[in-house]
All heavy atoms as atom14 arrays in JSON, in Angstrom:
{
  "sequence": "AVLRAPFIHAPEGVRTVFLVTLAASCMPLVAGVVFFGWRAAAT",
  "atom14_mask": [
    [1, 1, 1, 1, 1, 0, 0, 0, 0, 0, 0, 0, 0, 0],
    [1, 1, 1, 1, 1, 1, 1, 0, 0, 0, 0, 0, 0, 0],
    [1, 1, 1, 1, 1, 1, 1, 1, 0, 0, 0, 0, 0, 0],
    [1, 1, 1, 1, 1, 1, 1, 1, 1, 1, 1, 0, 0, 0],
    [1, 1, 1, 1, 1, 0, 0, 0, 0, 0, 0, 0, 0, 0],
    [1, 1, 1, 1, 1, 1, 1, 0, 0, 0, 0, 0, 0, 0],
    [1, 1, 1, 1, 1, 1, 1, 1, 1, 1, 1, 0, 0, 0],
    [1, 1, 1, 1, 1, 1, 1, 1, 0, 0, 0, 0, 0, 0],
    [1, 1, 1, 1, 1, 1, 1, 1, 1, 1, 0, 0, 0, 0],
    [1, 1, 1, 1, 1, 0, 0, 0, 0, 0, 0, 0, 0, 0],
    [1, 1, 1, 1, 1, 1, 1, 0, 0, 0, 0, 0, 0, 0],
    [1, 1, 1, 1, 1, 1, 1, 1, 1, 0, 0, 0, 0, 0],
    [1, 1, 1, 1, 0, 0, 0, 0, 0, 0, 0, 0, 0, 0],
    [1, 1, 1, 1, 1, 1, 1, 0, 0, 0, 0, 0, 0, 0],
    [1, 1, 1, 1, 1, 1, 1, 1, 1, 1, 1, 0, 0, 0],
    [1, 1, 1, 1, 1, 1, 1, 0, 0, 0, 0, 0, 0, 0],
    [1, 1, 1, 1, 1, 1, 1, 0, 0, 0, 0, 0, 0, 0],
    [1, 1, 1, 1, 1, 1, 1, 1, 1, 1, 1, 0, 0, 0],
    [1, 1, 1, 1, 1, 1, 1, 1, 0, 0, 0, 0, 0, 0],
    [1, 1, 1, 1, 1, 1, 1, 0, 0, 0, 0, 0, 0, 0],
    [1, 1, 1, 1, 1, 1, 1, 0, 0, 0, 0, 0, 0, 0],
    [1, 1, 1, 1, 1, 1, 1, 1, 0, 0, 0, 0, 0, 0],
    [1, 1, 1, 1, 1, 0, 0, 0, 0, 0, 0, 0, 0, 0],
    [1, 1, 1, 1, 1, 0, 0, 0, 0, 0, 0, 0, 0, 0],
    [1, 1, 1, 1, 1, 1, 0, 0, 0, 0, 0, 0, 0, 0],
    [1, 1, 1, 1, 1, 1, 0, 0, 0, 0, 0, 0, 0, 0],
    [1, 1, 1, 1, 1, 1, 1, 1, 0, 0, 0, 0, 0, 0],
    [1, 1, 1, 1, 1, 1, 1, 0, 0, 0, 0, 0, 0, 0],
    [1, 1, 1, 1, 1, 1, 1, 1, 0, 0, 0, 0, 0, 0],
    [1, 1, 1, 1, 1, 1, 1, 0, 0, 0, 0, 0, 0, 0],
    [1, 1, 1, 1, 1, 0, 0, 0, 0, 0, 0, 0, 0, 0],
    [1, 1, 1, 1, 0, 0, 0, 0, 0, 0, 0, 0, 0, 0],
    [1, 1, 1, 1, 1, 1, 1, 0, 0, 0, 0, 0, 0, 0],
    [1, 1, 1, 1, 1, 1, 1, 0, 0, 0, 0, 0, 0, 0],
    [1, 1, 1, 1, 1, 1, 1, 1, 1, 1, 1, 0, 0, 0],
    [1, 1, 1, 1, 1, 1, 1, 1, 1, 1, 1, 0, 0, 0],
    [1, 1, 1, 1, 0, 0, 0, 0, 0, 0, 0, 0, 0, 0],
    [1, 1, 1, 1, 1, 1, 1, 1, 1, 1, 1, 1, 1, 1],
    [1, 1, 1, 1, 1, 1, 1, 1, 1, 1, 1, 0, 0, 0],
    [1, 1, 1, 1, 1, 0, 0, 0, 0, 0, 0, 0, 0, 0],
    [1, 1, 1, 1, 1, 0, 0, 0, 0, 0, 0, 0, 0, 0],
    [1, 1, 1, 1, 1, 0, 0, 0, 0, 0, 0, 0, 0, 0],
    [1, 1, 1, 1, 1, 1, 1, 0, 0, 0, 0, 0, 0, 0]
  ],
  "atom14_positions": [
    [[17.4, 24.0, 19.59], [18.17, 22.82, 19.97], [17.49, 21.53, 19.52], [18.13, 20.54, 19.26], [18.37, 22.8, 21.49], [0.0, 0.0, 0.0], [0.0, 0.0, 0.0], [0.0, 0.0, 0.0], [0.0, 0.0, 0.0], [0.0, 0.0, 0.0], [0.0, 0.0, 0.0], [0.0, 0.0, 0.0], [0.0, 0.0, 0.0], [0.0, 0.0, 0.0]],
    [[16.12, 21.55, 19.4], [15.41, 20.34, 19.02], [15.77, 19.9, 17.62], [15.71, 18.71, 17.28], [13.9, 20.57, 19.15], [13.4, 21.56, 18.12], [13.15, 19.25, 19.02], [0.0, 0.0, 0.0], [0.0, 0.0, 0.0], [0.0, 0.0, 0.0], [0.0, 0.0, 0.0], [0.0, 0.0, 0.0], [0.0, 0.0, 0.0], [0.0, 0.0, 0.0]],
    [[16.15, 20.84, 16.76], [16.5, 20.47, 15.4], [17.91, 19.92, 15.28], [18.26, 19.34, 14.28], [16.35, 21.7, 14.47], [14.94, 22.26, 14.33], [14.95, 23.46, 13.41], [14.0, 21.2, 13.82], [0.0, 0.0, 0.0], [0.0, 0.0, 0.0], [0.0, 0.0, 0.0], [0.0, 0.0, 0.0], [0.0, 0.0, 0.0], [0.0, 0.0, 0.0]],
    [[18.75, 20.17, 16.29], [20.12, 19.69, 16.22], [20.29, 18.31, 16.85], [21.37, 17.75, 16.81], [21.05, 20.68, 16.93], [21.09, 22.06, 16.3], [22.32, 22.82, 16.76], [22.42, 22.89, 18.21], [21.92, 23.88, 18.94], [21.26, 24.86, 18.36], [22.06, 23.88, 20.24], [0.0, 0.0, 0.0], [0.0, 0.0, 0.0], [0.0, 0.0, 0.0]],
    [[19.23, 17.78, 17.46], [19.34, 16.48, 18.11], [19.49, 15.37, 17.06], [19.02, 15.51, 15.93], [18.12, 16.22, 18.98], [0.0, 0.0, 0.0], [0.0, 0.0, 0.0], [0.0, 0.0, 0.0], [0.0, 0.0, 0.0], [0.0, 0.0, 0.0], [0.0, 0.0, 0.0], [0.0, 0.0, 0.0], [0.0, 0.0, 0.0], [0.0, 0.0, 0.0]],
    [[20.12, 14.28, 17.39], [20.31, 13.18, 16.43], [19.07, 12.31, 16.31], [19.06, 11.15, 16.71], [21.48, 12.41, 17.02], [21.35, 12.63, 18.49], [20.83, 14.04, 18.66], [0.0, 0.0, 0.0], [0.0, 0.0, 0.0], [0.0, 0.0, 0.0], [0.0, 0.0, 0.0], [0.0, 0.0, 0.0], [0.0, 0.0, 0.0], [0.0, 0.0, 0.0]],
    [[18.0, 12.89, 15.78], [16.77, 12.13, 15.62], [16.9, 11.12, 14.48], [17.63, 11.36, 13.52], [15.58, 13.05, 15.35], [15.22, 13.93, 16.5], [15.3, 15.3, 16.39], [14.81, 13.38, 17.7], [14.97, 16.11, 17.46], [14.48, 14.18, 18.77], [14.56, 15.56, 18.66], [0.0, 0.0, 0.0], [0.0, 0.0, 0.0], [0.0, 0.0, 0.0]],
    [[16.16, 10.01, 14.61], [16.06, 9.02, 13.54], [14.8, 9.32, 12.73], [13.71, 9.33, 13.28], [16.02, 7.59, 14.11], [17.3, 7.29, 14.88], [15.84, 6.57, 12.99], [17.3, 5.94, 15.56], [0.0, 0.0, 0.0], [0.0, 0.0, 0.0], [0.0, 0.0, 0.0], [0.0, 0.0, 0.0], [0.0, 0.0, 0.0], [0.0, 0.0, 0.0]],
    [[14.98, 9.59, 11.47], [13.85, 9.92, 10.62], [13.39, 8.67, 9.87], [14.2, 7.93, 9.32], [14.23, 11.01, 9.62], [14.62, 12.31, 10.26], [13.69, 13.23, 10.69], [15.83, 12.82, 10.58], [14.31, 14.27, 11.23], [15.62, 14.04, 11.17], [0.0, 0.0, 0.0], [0.0, 0.0, 0.0], [0.0, 0.0, 0.0], [0.0, 0.0, 0.0]],
    [[12.08, 8.44, 9.88], [11.53, 7.3, 9.16], [11.7, 7.52, 7.65], [11.43, 8.62, 7.15], [10.06, 7.13, 9.49], [0.0, 0.0, 0.0], [0.0, 0.0, 0.0], [0.0, 0.0, 0.0], [0.0, 0.0, 0.0], [0.0, 0.0, 0.0], [0.0, 0.0, 0.0], [0.0, 0.0, 0.0], [0.0, 0.0, 0.0], [0.0, 0.0, 0.0]],
    [[12.16, 6.52, 6.92], [12.37, 6.71, 5.48], [11.07, 6.86, 4.7], [11.06, 7.41, 3.62], [13.11, 5.44, 5.07], [12.71, 4.42, 6.09], [12.53, 5.17, 7.37], [0.0, 0.0, 0.0], [0.0, 0.0, 0.0], [0.0, 0.0, 0.0], [0.0, 0.0, 0.0], [0.0, 0.0, 0.0], [0.0, 0.0, 0.0], [0.0, 0.0, 0.0]],
    [[9.94, 6.38, 5.27], [8.66, 6.43, 4.57], [7.57, 6.84, 5.55], [7.61, 6.48, 6.73], [8.31, 5.08, 3.94], [9.3, 4.63, 2.87], [8.98, 3.24, 2.35], [8.25, 2.53, 3.05], [9.46, 2.89, 1.28], [0.0, 0.0, 0.0], [0.0, 0.0, 0.0], [0.0, 0.0, 0.0], [0.0, 0.0, 0.0], [0.0, 0.0, 0.0]],
    [[6.59, 7.57, 5.05], [5.47, 7.97, 5.87], [4.4, 6.91, 5.94], [4.42, 5.9, 5.22], [0.0, 0.0, 0.0], [0.0, 0.0, 0.0], [0.0, 0.0, 0.0], [0.0, 0.0, 0.0], [0.0, 0.0, 0.0], [0.0, 0.0, 0.0], [0.0, 0.0, 0.0], [0.0, 0.0, 0.0], [0.0, 0.0, 0.0], [0.0, 0.0, 0.0]],
    [[3.43, 7.13, 6.82], [2.34, 6.18, 7.0], [1.54, 6.03, 5.72], [1.14, 4.92, 5.33], [1.44, 6.62, 8.17], [0.24, 5.71, 8.3], [2.23, 6.65, 9.47], [0.0, 0.0, 0.0], [0.0, 0.0, 0.0], [0.0, 0.0, 0.0], [0.0, 0.0, 0.0], [0.0, 0.0, 0.0], [0.0, 0.0, 0.0], [0.0, 0.0, 0.0]],
    [[1.3, 7.15, 5.05], [0.51, 7.1, 3.82], [1.21, 6.27, 2.75], [0.57, 5.51, 2.03], [0.26, 8.51, 3.31], [-0.67, 8.57, 2.09], [-1.03, 10.01, 1.78], [-1.96, 10.1, 0.66], [-1.59, 10.18, -0.61], [-0.3, 10.19, -0.92], [-2.49, 10.23, -1.57], [0.0, 0.0, 0.0], [0.0, 0.0, 0.0], [0.0, 0.0, 0.0]],
    [[2.54, 6.37, 2.68], [3.28, 5.56, 1.72], [3.16, 4.07, 2.03], [3.0, 3.25, 1.13], [4.76, 5.97, 1.73], [4.87, 7.36, 1.42], [5.56, 5.17, 0.7], [0.0, 0.0, 0.0], [0.0, 0.0, 0.0], [0.0, 0.0, 0.0], [0.0, 0.0, 0.0], [0.0, 0.0, 0.0], [0.0, 0.0, 0.0], [0.0, 0.0, 0.0]],
    [[3.21, 3.73, 3.32], [3.06, 2.32, 3.71], [1.69, 1.8, 3.29], [1.57, 0.7, 2.73], [3.25, 2.17, 5.23], [2.95, 0.75, 5.67], [4.67, 2.55, 5.62], [0.0, 0.0, 0.0], [0.0, 0.0, 0.0], [0.0, 0.0, 0.0], [0.0, 0.0, 0.0], [0.0, 0.0, 0.0], [0.0, 0.0, 0.0], [0.0, 0.0, 0.0]],
    [[0.66, 2.6, 3.51], [-0.69, 2.16, 3.13], [-0.81, 1.99, 1.63], [-1.4, 1.02, 1.14], [-1.72, 3.17, 3.63], [-1.88, 3.2, 5.12], [-2.37, 4.32, 5.76], [-1.53, 2.1, 5.89], [-2.52, 4.35, 7.14], [-1.67, 2.12, 7.27], [-2.18, 3.25, 7.9], [0.0, 0.0, 0.0], [0.0, 0.0, 0.0], [0.0, 0.0, 0.0]],
    [[-0.25, 2.93, 0.87], [-0.4, 2.88, -0.59], [0.4, 1.71, -1.18], [-0.07, 1.05, -2.12], [0.04, 4.2, -1.21], [-0.86, 5.4, -0.89], [-0.29, 6.67, -1.53], [-2.28, 5.16, -1.37], [0.0, 0.0, 0.0], [0.0, 0.0, 0.0], [0.0, 0.0, 0.0], [0.0, 0.0, 0.0], [0.0, 0.0, 0.0], [0.0, 0.0, 0.0]],
    [[1.58, 1.45, -0.66], [2.37, 0.32, -1.17], [1.68, -1.0, -0.81], [1.61, -1.92, -1.64], [3.8, 0.37, -0.6], [4.57, -0.89, -0.98], [4.53, 1.6, -1.13], [0.0, 0.0, 0.0], [0.0, 0.0, 0.0], [0.0, 0.0, 0.0], [0.0, 0.0, 0.0], [0.0, 0.0, 0.0], [0.0, 0.0, 0.0], [0.0, 0.0, 0.0]],
    [[1.17, -1.1, 0.4], [0.42, -2.3, 0.78], [-0.83, -2.45, -0.08], [-1.22, -3.57, -0.46], [0.04, -2.25, 2.26], [1.2, -2.01, 3.05], [-0.6, -3.55, 2.71], [0.0, 0.0, 0.0], [0.0, 0.0, 0.0], [0.0, 0.0, 0.0], [0.0, 0.0, 0.0], [0.0, 0.0, 0.0], [0.0, 0.0, 0.0], [0.0, 0.0, 0.0]],
    [[-1.47, -1.33, -0.39], [-2.63, -1.36, -1.28], [-2.26, -1.89, -2.65], [-2.98, -2.71, -3.23], [-3.22, 0.04, -1.38], [-4.36, 0.24, -2.39], [-5.57, -0.59, -2.0], [-4.74, 1.72, -2.46], [0.0, 0.0, 0.0], [0.0, 0.0, 0.0], [0.0, 0.0, 0.0], [0.0, 0.0, 0.0], [0.0, 0.0, 0.0], [0.0, 0.0, 0.0]],
    [[-1.12, -1.43, -3.19], [-0.69, -1.91, -4.5], [-0.4, -3.41, -4.47], [-0.75, -4.14, -5.41], [0.54, -1.13, -4.95], [0.0, 0.0, 0.0], [0.0, 0.0, 0.0], [0.0, 0.0, 0.0], [0.0, 0.0, 0.0], [0.0, 0.0, 0.0], [0.0, 0.0, 0.0], [0.0, 0.0, 0.0], [0.0, 0.0, 0.0], [0.0, 0.0, 0.0]],
    [[0.23, -3.88, -3.39], [0.5, -5.32, -3.29], [-0.8, -6.11, -3.15], [-0.92, -7.22, -3.7], [1.42, -5.59, -2.1], [0.0, 0.0, 0.0], [0.0, 0.0, 0.0], [0.0, 0.0, 0.0], [0.0, 0.0, 0.0], [0.0, 0.0, 0.0], [0.0, 0.0, 0.0], [0.0, 0.0, 0.0], [0.0, 0.0, 0.0], [0.0, 0.0, 0.0]],
    [[-1.77, -5.56, -2.44], [-3.05, -6.26, -2.27], [-3.83, -6.35, -3.57], [-4.67, -7.24, -3.73], [-3.9, -5.53, -1.22], [-3.21, -5.43, 0.01], [0.0, 0.0, 0.0], [0.0, 0.0, 0.0], [0.0, 0.0, 0.0], [0.0, 0.0, 0.0], [0.0, 0.0, 0.0], [0.0, 0.0, 0.0], [0.0, 0.0, 0.0], [0.0, 0.0, 0.0]],
    [[-3.55, -5.43, -4.49], [-4.25, -5.47, -5.78], [-3.79, -6.65, -6.66], [-4.51, -7.02, -7.59], [-4.04, -4.16, -6.53], [-4.97, -2.77, -5.84], [0.0, 0.0, 0.0], [0.0, 0.0, 0.0], [0.0, 0.0, 0.0], [0.0, 0.0, 0.0], [0.0, 0.0, 0.0], [0.0, 0.0, 0.0], [0.0, 0.0, 0.0], [0.0, 0.0, 0.0]],
    [[-2.64, -7.24, -6.36], [-2.19, -8.39, -7.15], [-3.11, -9.6, -6.98], [-3.56, -10.17, -7.98], [-0.74, -8.72, -6.78], [0.25, -7.62, -7.14], [1.94, -7.99, -6.58], [2.29, -9.46, -7.54], [0.0, 0.0, 0.0], [0.0, 0.0, 0.0], [0.0, 0.0, 0.0], [0.0, 0.0, 0.0], [0.0, 0.0, 0.0], [0.0, 0.0, 0.0]],
    [[-3.44, -10.03, -5.75], [-4.45, -11.1, -5.64], [-5.81, -10.69, -6.17], [-6.56, -11.55, -6.66], [-4.49, -11.38, -4.13], [-3.23, -10.86, -3.58], [-2.86, -9.69, -4.44], [0.0, 0.0, 0.0], [0.0, 0.0, 0.0], [0.0, 0.0, 0.0], [0.0, 0.0, 0.0], [0.0, 0.0, 0.0], [0.0, 0.0, 0.0], [0.0, 0.0, 0.0]],
    [[-6.13, -9.4, -6.09], [-7.41, -8.94, -6.63], [-7.46, -9.12, -8.14], [-8.49, -9.56, -8.7], [-7.62, -7.47, -6.26], [-8.9, -6.82, -6.78], [-10.13, -7.53, -6.25], [-8.92, -5.34, -6.41], [0.0, 0.0, 0.0], [0.0, 0.0, 0.0], [0.0, 0.0, 0.0], [0.0, 0.0, 0.0], [0.0, 0.0, 0.0], [0.0, 0.0, 0.0]],
    [[-6.38, -8.79, -8.83], [-6.34, -8.98, -10.28], [-6.46, -10.46, -10.63], [-7.16, -10.83, -11.58], [-5.04, -8.38, -10.85], [-4.87, -8.73, -12.32], [-5.04, -6.85, -10.67], [0.0, 0.0, 0.0], [0.0, 0.0, 0.0], [0.0, 0.0, 0.0], [0.0, 0.0, 0.0], [0.0, 0.0, 0.0], [0.0, 0.0, 0.0], [0.0, 0.0, 0.0]],
    [[-5.78, -11.31, -9.87], [-5.91, -12.75, -10.11], [-7.35, -13.22, -9.91], [-7.85, -14.06, -10.67], [-4.97, -13.52, -9.18], [0.0, 0.0, 0.0], [0.0, 0.0, 0.0], [0.0, 0.0, 0.0], [0.0, 0.0, 0.0], [0.0, 0.0, 0.0], [0.0, 0.0, 0.0], [0.0, 0.0, 0.0], [0.0, 0.0, 0.0], [0.0, 0.0, 0.0]],
    [[-8.02, -12.64, -8.92], [-9.42, -13.0, -8.72], [-10.31, -12.56, -9.86], [-11.24, -13.28, -10.24], [0.0, 0.0, 0.0], [0.0, 0.0, 0.0], [0.0, 0.0, 0.0], [0.0, 0.0, 0.0], [0.0, 0.0, 0.0], [0.0, 0.0, 0.0], [0.0, 0.0, 0.0], [0.0, 0.0, 0.0], [0.0, 0.0, 0.0], [0.0, 0.0, 0.0]],
    [[-10.04, -11.38, -10.42], [-10.82, -10.91, -11.57], [-10.6, -11.83, -12.77], [-11.53, -12.07, -13.56], [-10.44, -9.46, -11.9], [-11.11, -9.0, -13.19], [-10.84, -8.53, -10.76], [0.0, 0.0, 0.0], [0.0, 0.0, 0.0], [0.0, 0.0, 0.0], [0.0, 0.0, 0.0], [0.0, 0.0, 0.0], [0.0, 0.0, 0.0], [0.0, 0.0, 0.0]],
    [[-9.41, -12.37, -12.91], [-9.13, -13.29, -14.03], [-10.01, -14.54, -13.93], [-10.61, -14.98, -14.92], [-7.65, -13.66, -14.05], [-7.39, -14.8, -15.04], [-6.79, -12.45, -14.4], [0.0, 0.0, 0.0], [0.0, 0.0, 0.0], [0.0, 0.0, 0.0], [0.0, 0.0, 0.0], [0.0, 0.0, 0.0], [0.0, 0.0, 0.0], [0.0, 0.0, 0.0]],
    [[-10.13, -15.11, -12.74], [-10.84, -16.38, -12.58], [-12.33, -16.21, -12.29], [-13.09, -17.17, -12.46], [-10.2, -17.21, -11.47], [-8.85, -17.75, -11.82], [-7.7, -17.18, -11.31], [-8.72, -18.82, -12.69], [-6.45, -17.67, -11.63], [-7.48, -19.32, -13.03], [-6.33, -18.75, -12.5], [0.0, 0.0, 0.0], [0.0, 0.0, 0.0], [0.0, 0.0, 0.0]],
    [[-12.73, -15.01, -11.85], [-14.14, -14.81, -11.49], [-14.81, -13.7, -12.27], [-16.02, -13.46, -12.08], [-14.26, -14.53, -9.99], [-13.67, -15.61, -9.13], [-12.6, -15.35, -8.3], [-14.18, -16.9, -9.16], [-12.05, -16.35, -7.5], [-13.64, -17.91, -8.38], [-12.57, -17.63, -7.55], [0.0, 0.0, 0.0], [0.0, 0.0, 0.0], [0.0, 0.0, 0.0]],
    [[-14.08, -13.01, -13.13], [-14.7, -12.11, -14.08], [-15.07, -10.74, -13.53], [-14.66, -10.33, -12.45], [0.0, 0.0, 0.0], [0.0, 0.0, 0.0], [0.0, 0.0, 0.0], [0.0, 0.0, 0.0], [0.0, 0.0, 0.0], [0.0, 0.0, 0.0], [0.0, 0.0, 0.0], [0.0, 0.0, 0.0], [0.0, 0.0, 0.0], [0.0, 0.0, 0.0]],
    [[-15.91, -10.06, -14.29], [-16.24, -8.68, -13.99], [-17.08, -8.54, -12.73], [-17.06, -7.47, -12.1], [-16.97, -8.05, -15.17], [-18.29, -8.7, -15.52], [-18.49, -9.71, -16.4], [-19.58, -8.36, -14.98], [-19.82, -10.05, -16.45], [-20.52, -9.23, -15.6], [-20.02, -7.43, -14.07], [-21.87, -9.18, -15.3], [-21.38, -7.37, -13.77], [-22.29, -8.24, -14.4]],
    [[-17.77, -9.57, -12.33], [-18.54, -9.47, -11.09], [-17.61, -9.36, -9.88], [-17.95, -8.7, -8.88], [-19.47, -10.67, -10.93], [-20.63, -10.67, -11.92], [-21.67, -11.71, -11.57], [-22.74, -11.72, -12.56], [-23.81, -10.93, -12.51], [-23.94, -10.06, -11.52], [-24.74, -11.0, -13.45], [0.0, 0.0, 0.0], [0.0, 0.0, 0.0], [0.0, 0.0, 0.0]],
    [[-16.46, -9.99, -9.94], [-15.48, -9.83, -8.86], [-14.97, -8.4, -8.81], [-14.81, -7.83, -7.72], [-14.33, -10.81, -9.06], [0.0, 0.0, 0.0], [0.0, 0.0, 0.0], [0.0, 0.0, 0.0], [0.0, 0.0, 0.0], [0.0, 0.0, 0.0], [0.0, 0.0, 0.0], [0.0, 0.0, 0.0], [0.0, 0.0, 0.0], [0.0, 0.0, 0.0]],
    [[-14.72, -7.79, -9.97], [-14.29, -6.4, -10.01], [-15.37, -5.47, -9.47], [-15.08, -4.52, -8.74], [-13.91, -6.01, -11.44], [0.0, 0.0, 0.0], [0.0, 0.0, 0.0], [0.0, 0.0, 0.0], [0.0, 0.0, 0.0], [0.0, 0.0, 0.0], [0.0, 0.0, 0.0], [0.0, 0.0, 0.0], [0.0, 0.0, 0.0], [0.0, 0.0, 0.0]],
    [[-16.63, -5.74, -9.81], [-17.72, -4.91, -9.3], [-17.84, -5.02, -7.79], [-18.07, -4.02, -7.09], [-19.03, -5.32, -9.98], [0.0, 0.0, 0.0], [0.0, 0.0, 0.0], [0.0, 0.0, 0.0], [0.0, 0.0, 0.0], [0.0, 0.0, 0.0], [0.0, 0.0, 0.0], [0.0, 0.0, 0.0], [0.0, 0.0, 0.0], [0.0, 0.0, 0.0]],
    [[-17.68, -6.23, -7.25], [-17.72, -6.4, -5.8], [-16.6, -5.63, -5.12], [-16.8, -4.99, -4.07], [-17.62, -7.9, -5.44], [-18.72, -8.6, -6.03], [-17.63, -8.11, -3.94], [0.0, 0.0, 0.0], [0.0, 0.0, 0.0], [0.0, 0.0, 0.0], [0.0, 0.0, 0.0], [0.0, 0.0, 0.0], [0.0, 0.0, 0.0], [0.0, 0.0, 0.0]]
  ]
}
């Protein structure tokens, strides 16, 4: 009966949320590497 209930399923998992947020966070990181060079990438 638990499978027949009208559950709401999340369209995305927690790991997907983290990875998409990680990809978005890499955009300011790339901009920082442009203005601060390879030492910013190493950090």
